Protein backbone atom coordinates (compact mmCIF):
# COMPACT_ATOMS: atom_id res chain seq x y z
CA UNK A 1 0.00 0.00 0.00
CA UNK A 2 1.22 3.50 -0.84
CA UNK A 3 0.48 6.39 1.49
CA UNK A 4 0.21 9.84 -0.05
CA UNK A 5 0.55 13.26 1.59
CA UNK A 6 -0.21 16.43 -0.36
CA UNK A 7 1.12 19.89 0.45
CA UNK A 8 1.50 23.31 -1.11
CA UNK A 9 -2.07 24.51 -1.25
CA UNK A 10 -3.18 27.95 -0.16
CA UNK A 11 -4.79 31.22 -1.16
CA UNK A 12 -3.62 32.84 -4.38
CA UNK A 13 -4.86 35.72 -6.51
CA UNK A 14 -6.20 35.13 -10.02
CA UNK A 15 -3.32 34.84 -12.46
CA UNK A 16 -1.01 33.56 -9.76
CA UNK A 17 0.87 30.29 -9.40
CA UNK A 18 1.21 27.47 -6.91
CA UNK A 19 3.13 24.22 -6.81
CA UNK A 20 1.56 21.23 -5.13
CA UNK A 21 3.61 18.30 -3.90
CA UNK A 22 2.59 14.74 -3.17
CA UNK A 23 5.00 12.71 -1.08
CA UNK A 24 4.59 8.95 -1.28
CA UNK A 25 5.76 6.07 0.82
CA UNK A 26 6.50 2.66 -0.59
CA UNK A 27 9.17 1.22 -2.83
CA UNK A 28 6.79 0.70 -5.72
CA UNK A 29 6.24 4.42 -6.29
CA UNK A 30 8.59 4.57 -9.25
CA UNK A 31 6.57 2.08 -11.26
CA UNK A 32 3.23 3.66 -10.60
CA UNK A 33 1.26 5.97 -12.78
CA UNK A 34 0.32 8.89 -10.55
CA UNK A 35 -2.43 11.43 -10.93
CA UNK A 36 -3.91 14.64 -9.60
CA UNK A 37 -7.63 15.21 -9.15
CA UNK A 38 -9.68 18.02 -7.68
CA UNK A 39 -13.05 18.42 -6.05
CA UNK A 40 -14.86 21.74 -5.89
CA UNK A 41 -17.59 22.33 -3.28
CA UNK A 42 -20.74 20.45 -4.16
CA UNK A 43 -19.15 18.72 -7.15
CA UNK A 44 -17.56 15.38 -7.94
CA UNK A 45 -13.86 14.58 -8.04
CA UNK A 46 -12.43 15.44 -11.46
CA UNK A 47 -9.30 14.27 -13.23
CA UNK A 48 -6.62 16.94 -13.69
CA UNK A 49 -3.43 15.25 -14.83
CA UNK A 50 -1.51 12.00 -14.79
CA UNK A 51 2.08 10.89 -15.32
CA UNK A 52 3.46 7.44 -16.07
CA UNK A 53 6.67 6.02 -14.68
CA UNK A 54 8.46 7.05 -17.87
CA UNK A 55 7.15 10.59 -17.68
CA UNK A 56 4.36 10.51 -20.23
CA UNK A 57 1.67 12.98 -19.24
CA UNK A 58 -2.02 13.52 -19.80
CA UNK A 59 -4.12 16.57 -18.91
CA UNK A 60 -7.72 17.59 -18.65
CA UNK A 61 -8.67 20.16 -21.26
CA UNK A 62 -9.53 22.66 -18.53
CA UNK A 63 -5.92 22.87 -17.33
CA UNK A 64 -3.94 22.09 -20.48
CA UNK A 65 -1.28 24.73 -21.04
CA UNK A 66 -1.59 26.07 -17.48
CA UNK A 67 -0.73 23.10 -15.27
CA UNK A 68 2.31 20.82 -15.44
CA UNK A 69 2.64 17.47 -13.71
CA UNK A 70 6.09 16.06 -12.97
CA UNK A 71 7.70 13.48 -10.72
CA UNK A 72 10.94 12.77 -8.95
CA UNK A 73 11.17 9.03 -8.42
CA UNK A 74 14.24 9.35 -6.21
CA UNK A 75 12.29 11.60 -3.84
CA UNK A 76 9.06 9.58 -4.18
CA UNK A 77 7.27 12.80 -5.02
CA UNK A 78 4.91 13.99 -7.72
CA UNK A 79 4.32 17.68 -8.37
CA UNK A 80 1.63 19.83 -9.91
CA UNK A 81 2.81 23.26 -11.07
CA UNK A 82 -0.21 25.49 -11.54
CA UNK A 83 -0.02 28.80 -13.37
CA UNK A 84 -2.50 31.39 -14.63
CA UNK A 85 -4.86 30.30 -11.89
CA UNK A 86 -8.55 31.16 -12.16
CA UNK A 87 -11.28 31.34 -9.51
CA UNK A 88 -12.79 28.19 -11.03
CA UNK A 89 -9.62 26.31 -10.10
CA UNK A 90 -10.66 26.62 -6.45
CA UNK A 91 -10.98 23.10 -5.06
CA UNK A 92 -9.42 20.48 -2.84
CA UNK A 93 -6.64 18.82 -4.81
CA UNK A 94 -5.91 15.13 -4.35
CA UNK A 95 -3.00 12.93 -5.33
CA UNK A 96 -3.79 9.41 -6.56
CA UNK A 97 -1.84 6.20 -7.07
CA UNK A 98 -3.55 4.18 -9.81
CA UNK A 99 -1.81 0.92 -9.00
CA UNK A 100 -2.86 0.95 -5.36
CA UNK A 101 -6.06 2.94 -5.52
CA UNK A 102 -4.62 5.22 -2.84
CA UNK A 103 -5.64 8.84 -2.24
CA UNK A 104 -4.05 11.54 -0.16
CA UNK A 105 -5.97 13.66 2.32
CA UNK A 106 -6.12 16.59 -0.10
CA UNK A 107 -4.86 20.16 -0.04
CA UNK A 108 -7.07 23.22 -0.43
CA UNK A 109 -6.41 25.66 -3.25
CA UNK A 110 -8.37 28.90 -3.22
CA UNK A 111 -8.09 31.40 -6.06
CA UNK A 112 -9.57 34.72 -5.06
CA UNK A 113 -8.80 38.42 -5.04
C-alpha atoms as a PDB file:
ATOM      1  CA  UNK A   1       0.000   0.000   0.000  1.00  0.00           C
ATOM      2  CA  UNK A   2       1.215   3.499  -0.836  1.00  0.00           C
ATOM      3  CA  UNK A   3       0.477   6.392   1.490  1.00  0.00           C
ATOM      4  CA  UNK A   4       0.215   9.836  -0.052  1.00  0.00           C
ATOM      5  CA  UNK A   5       0.554  13.258   1.594  1.00  0.00           C
ATOM      6  CA  UNK A   6      -0.211  16.425  -0.364  1.00  0.00           C
ATOM      7  CA  UNK A   7       1.116  19.887   0.448  1.00  0.00           C
ATOM      8  CA  UNK A   8       1.504  23.312  -1.110  1.00  0.00           C
ATOM      9  CA  UNK A   9      -2.071  24.514  -1.250  1.00  0.00           C
ATOM     10  CA  UNK A  10      -3.185  27.951  -0.157  1.00  0.00           C
ATOM     11  CA  UNK A  11      -4.786  31.219  -1.163  1.00  0.00           C
ATOM     12  CA  UNK A  12      -3.617  32.838  -4.382  1.00  0.00           C
ATOM     13  CA  UNK A  13      -4.862  35.716  -6.514  1.00  0.00           C
ATOM     14  CA  UNK A  14      -6.200  35.127 -10.025  1.00  0.00           C
ATOM     15  CA  UNK A  15      -3.324  34.842 -12.456  1.00  0.00           C
ATOM     16  CA  UNK A  16      -1.007  33.565  -9.764  1.00  0.00           C
ATOM     17  CA  UNK A  17       0.874  30.293  -9.396  1.00  0.00           C
ATOM     18  CA  UNK A  18       1.209  27.469  -6.912  1.00  0.00           C
ATOM     19  CA  UNK A  19       3.135  24.224  -6.809  1.00  0.00           C
ATOM     20  CA  UNK A  20       1.564  21.226  -5.135  1.00  0.00           C
ATOM     21  CA  UNK A  21       3.613  18.299  -3.902  1.00  0.00           C
ATOM     22  CA  UNK A  22       2.587  14.736  -3.168  1.00  0.00           C
ATOM     23  CA  UNK A  23       4.996  12.712  -1.076  1.00  0.00           C
ATOM     24  CA  UNK A  24       4.588   8.949  -1.283  1.00  0.00           C
ATOM     25  CA  UNK A  25       5.760   6.074   0.821  1.00  0.00           C
ATOM     26  CA  UNK A  26       6.498   2.656  -0.585  1.00  0.00           C
ATOM     27  CA  UNK A  27       9.168   1.225  -2.825  1.00  0.00           C
ATOM     28  CA  UNK A  28       6.792   0.703  -5.724  1.00  0.00           C
ATOM     29  CA  UNK A  29       6.237   4.424  -6.291  1.00  0.00           C
ATOM     30  CA  UNK A  30       8.588   4.574  -9.252  1.00  0.00           C
ATOM     31  CA  UNK A  31       6.567   2.077 -11.264  1.00  0.00           C
ATOM     32  CA  UNK A  32       3.227   3.659 -10.605  1.00  0.00           C
ATOM     33  CA  UNK A  33       1.260   5.970 -12.782  1.00  0.00           C
ATOM     34  CA  UNK A  34       0.318   8.891 -10.550  1.00  0.00           C
ATOM     35  CA  UNK A  35      -2.429  11.428 -10.933  1.00  0.00           C
ATOM     36  CA  UNK A  36      -3.912  14.642  -9.595  1.00  0.00           C
ATOM     37  CA  UNK A  37      -7.632  15.205  -9.155  1.00  0.00           C
ATOM     38  CA  UNK A  38      -9.680  18.023  -7.676  1.00  0.00           C
ATOM     39  CA  UNK A  39     -13.055  18.422  -6.049  1.00  0.00           C
ATOM     40  CA  UNK A  40     -14.861  21.739  -5.887  1.00  0.00           C
ATOM     41  CA  UNK A  41     -17.588  22.331  -3.277  1.00  0.00           C
ATOM     42  CA  UNK A  42     -20.745  20.454  -4.160  1.00  0.00           C
ATOM     43  CA  UNK A  43     -19.152  18.716  -7.147  1.00  0.00           C
ATOM     44  CA  UNK A  44     -17.558  15.382  -7.945  1.00  0.00           C
ATOM     45  CA  UNK A  45     -13.861  14.581  -8.041  1.00  0.00           C
ATOM     46  CA  UNK A  46     -12.433  15.441 -11.457  1.00  0.00           C
ATOM     47  CA  UNK A  47      -9.301  14.268 -13.231  1.00  0.00           C
ATOM     48  CA  UNK A  48      -6.622  16.940 -13.695  1.00  0.00           C
ATOM     49  CA  UNK A  49      -3.434  15.247 -14.828  1.00  0.00           C
ATOM     50  CA  UNK A  50      -1.510  11.996 -14.787  1.00  0.00           C
ATOM     51  CA  UNK A  51       2.080  10.893 -15.325  1.00  0.00           C
ATOM     52  CA  UNK A  52       3.456   7.443 -16.072  1.00  0.00           C
ATOM     53  CA  UNK A  53       6.673   6.021 -14.679  1.00  0.00           C
ATOM     54  CA  UNK A  54       8.464   7.046 -17.865  1.00  0.00           C
ATOM     55  CA  UNK A  55       7.154  10.589 -17.676  1.00  0.00           C
ATOM     56  CA  UNK A  56       4.363  10.510 -20.229  1.00  0.00           C
ATOM     57  CA  UNK A  57       1.670  12.980 -19.239  1.00  0.00           C
ATOM     58  CA  UNK A  58      -2.015  13.524 -19.804  1.00  0.00           C
ATOM     59  CA  UNK A  59      -4.124  16.574 -18.906  1.00  0.00           C
ATOM     60  CA  UNK A  60      -7.723  17.591 -18.648  1.00  0.00           C
ATOM     61  CA  UNK A  61      -8.671  20.161 -21.261  1.00  0.00           C
ATOM     62  CA  UNK A  62      -9.530  22.658 -18.534  1.00  0.00           C
ATOM     63  CA  UNK A  63      -5.919  22.866 -17.334  1.00  0.00           C
ATOM     64  CA  UNK A  64      -3.943  22.092 -20.483  1.00  0.00           C
ATOM     65  CA  UNK A  65      -1.276  24.735 -21.043  1.00  0.00           C
ATOM     66  CA  UNK A  66      -1.585  26.073 -17.484  1.00  0.00           C
ATOM     67  CA  UNK A  67      -0.729  23.105 -15.269  1.00  0.00           C
ATOM     68  CA  UNK A  68       2.310  20.824 -15.440  1.00  0.00           C
ATOM     69  CA  UNK A  69       2.644  17.469 -13.709  1.00  0.00           C
ATOM     70  CA  UNK A  70       6.088  16.056 -12.970  1.00  0.00           C
ATOM     71  CA  UNK A  71       7.696  13.483 -10.722  1.00  0.00           C
ATOM     72  CA  UNK A  72      10.942  12.771  -8.949  1.00  0.00           C
ATOM     73  CA  UNK A  73      11.167   9.026  -8.416  1.00  0.00           C
ATOM     74  CA  UNK A  74      14.240   9.355  -6.213  1.00  0.00           C
ATOM     75  CA  UNK A  75      12.286  11.600  -3.845  1.00  0.00           C
ATOM     76  CA  UNK A  76       9.063   9.583  -4.182  1.00  0.00           C
ATOM     77  CA  UNK A  77       7.271  12.803  -5.021  1.00  0.00           C
ATOM     78  CA  UNK A  78       4.909  13.991  -7.717  1.00  0.00           C
ATOM     79  CA  UNK A  79       4.323  17.675  -8.368  1.00  0.00           C
ATOM     80  CA  UNK A  80       1.631  19.832  -9.913  1.00  0.00           C
ATOM     81  CA  UNK A  81       2.812  23.261 -11.069  1.00  0.00           C
ATOM     82  CA  UNK A  82      -0.215  25.490 -11.536  1.00  0.00           C
ATOM     83  CA  UNK A  83      -0.016  28.801 -13.372  1.00  0.00           C
ATOM     84  CA  UNK A  84      -2.502  31.394 -14.625  1.00  0.00           C
ATOM     85  CA  UNK A  85      -4.859  30.301 -11.887  1.00  0.00           C
ATOM     86  CA  UNK A  86      -8.546  31.161 -12.160  1.00  0.00           C
ATOM     87  CA  UNK A  87     -11.284  31.342  -9.514  1.00  0.00           C
ATOM     88  CA  UNK A  88     -12.794  28.192 -11.031  1.00  0.00           C
ATOM     89  CA  UNK A  89      -9.617  26.307 -10.098  1.00  0.00           C
ATOM     90  CA  UNK A  90     -10.660  26.617  -6.453  1.00  0.00           C
ATOM     91  CA  UNK A  91     -10.977  23.101  -5.059  1.00  0.00           C
ATOM     92  CA  UNK A  92      -9.422  20.477  -2.838  1.00  0.00           C
ATOM     93  CA  UNK A  93      -6.636  18.820  -4.814  1.00  0.00           C
ATOM     94  CA  UNK A  94      -5.906  15.125  -4.346  1.00  0.00           C
ATOM     95  CA  UNK A  95      -3.003  12.926  -5.327  1.00  0.00           C
ATOM     96  CA  UNK A  96      -3.791   9.408  -6.563  1.00  0.00           C
ATOM     97  CA  UNK A  97      -1.844   6.202  -7.071  1.00  0.00           C
ATOM     98  CA  UNK A  98      -3.547   4.184  -9.807  1.00  0.00           C
ATOM     99  CA  UNK A  99      -1.811   0.916  -9.001  1.00  0.00           C
ATOM    100  CA  UNK A 100      -2.857   0.951  -5.358  1.00  0.00           C
ATOM    101  CA  UNK A 101      -6.061   2.944  -5.516  1.00  0.00           C
ATOM    102  CA  UNK A 102      -4.622   5.218  -2.838  1.00  0.00           C
ATOM    103  CA  UNK A 103      -5.641   8.836  -2.240  1.00  0.00           C
ATOM    104  CA  UNK A 104      -4.054  11.539  -0.164  1.00  0.00           C
ATOM    105  CA  UNK A 105      -5.965  13.663   2.323  1.00  0.00           C
ATOM    106  CA  UNK A 106      -6.124  16.587  -0.097  1.00  0.00           C
ATOM    107  CA  UNK A 107      -4.857  20.156  -0.045  1.00  0.00           C
ATOM    108  CA  UNK A 108      -7.068  23.219  -0.432  1.00  0.00           C
ATOM    109  CA  UNK A 109      -6.406  25.659  -3.255  1.00  0.00           C
ATOM    110  CA  UNK A 110      -8.368  28.903  -3.223  1.00  0.00           C
ATOM    111  CA  UNK A 111      -8.087  31.395  -6.065  1.00  0.00           C
ATOM    112  CA  UNK A 112      -9.572  34.724  -5.064  1.00  0.00           C
ATOM    113  CA  UNK A 113      -8.801  38.416  -5.044  1.00  0.00           C
END
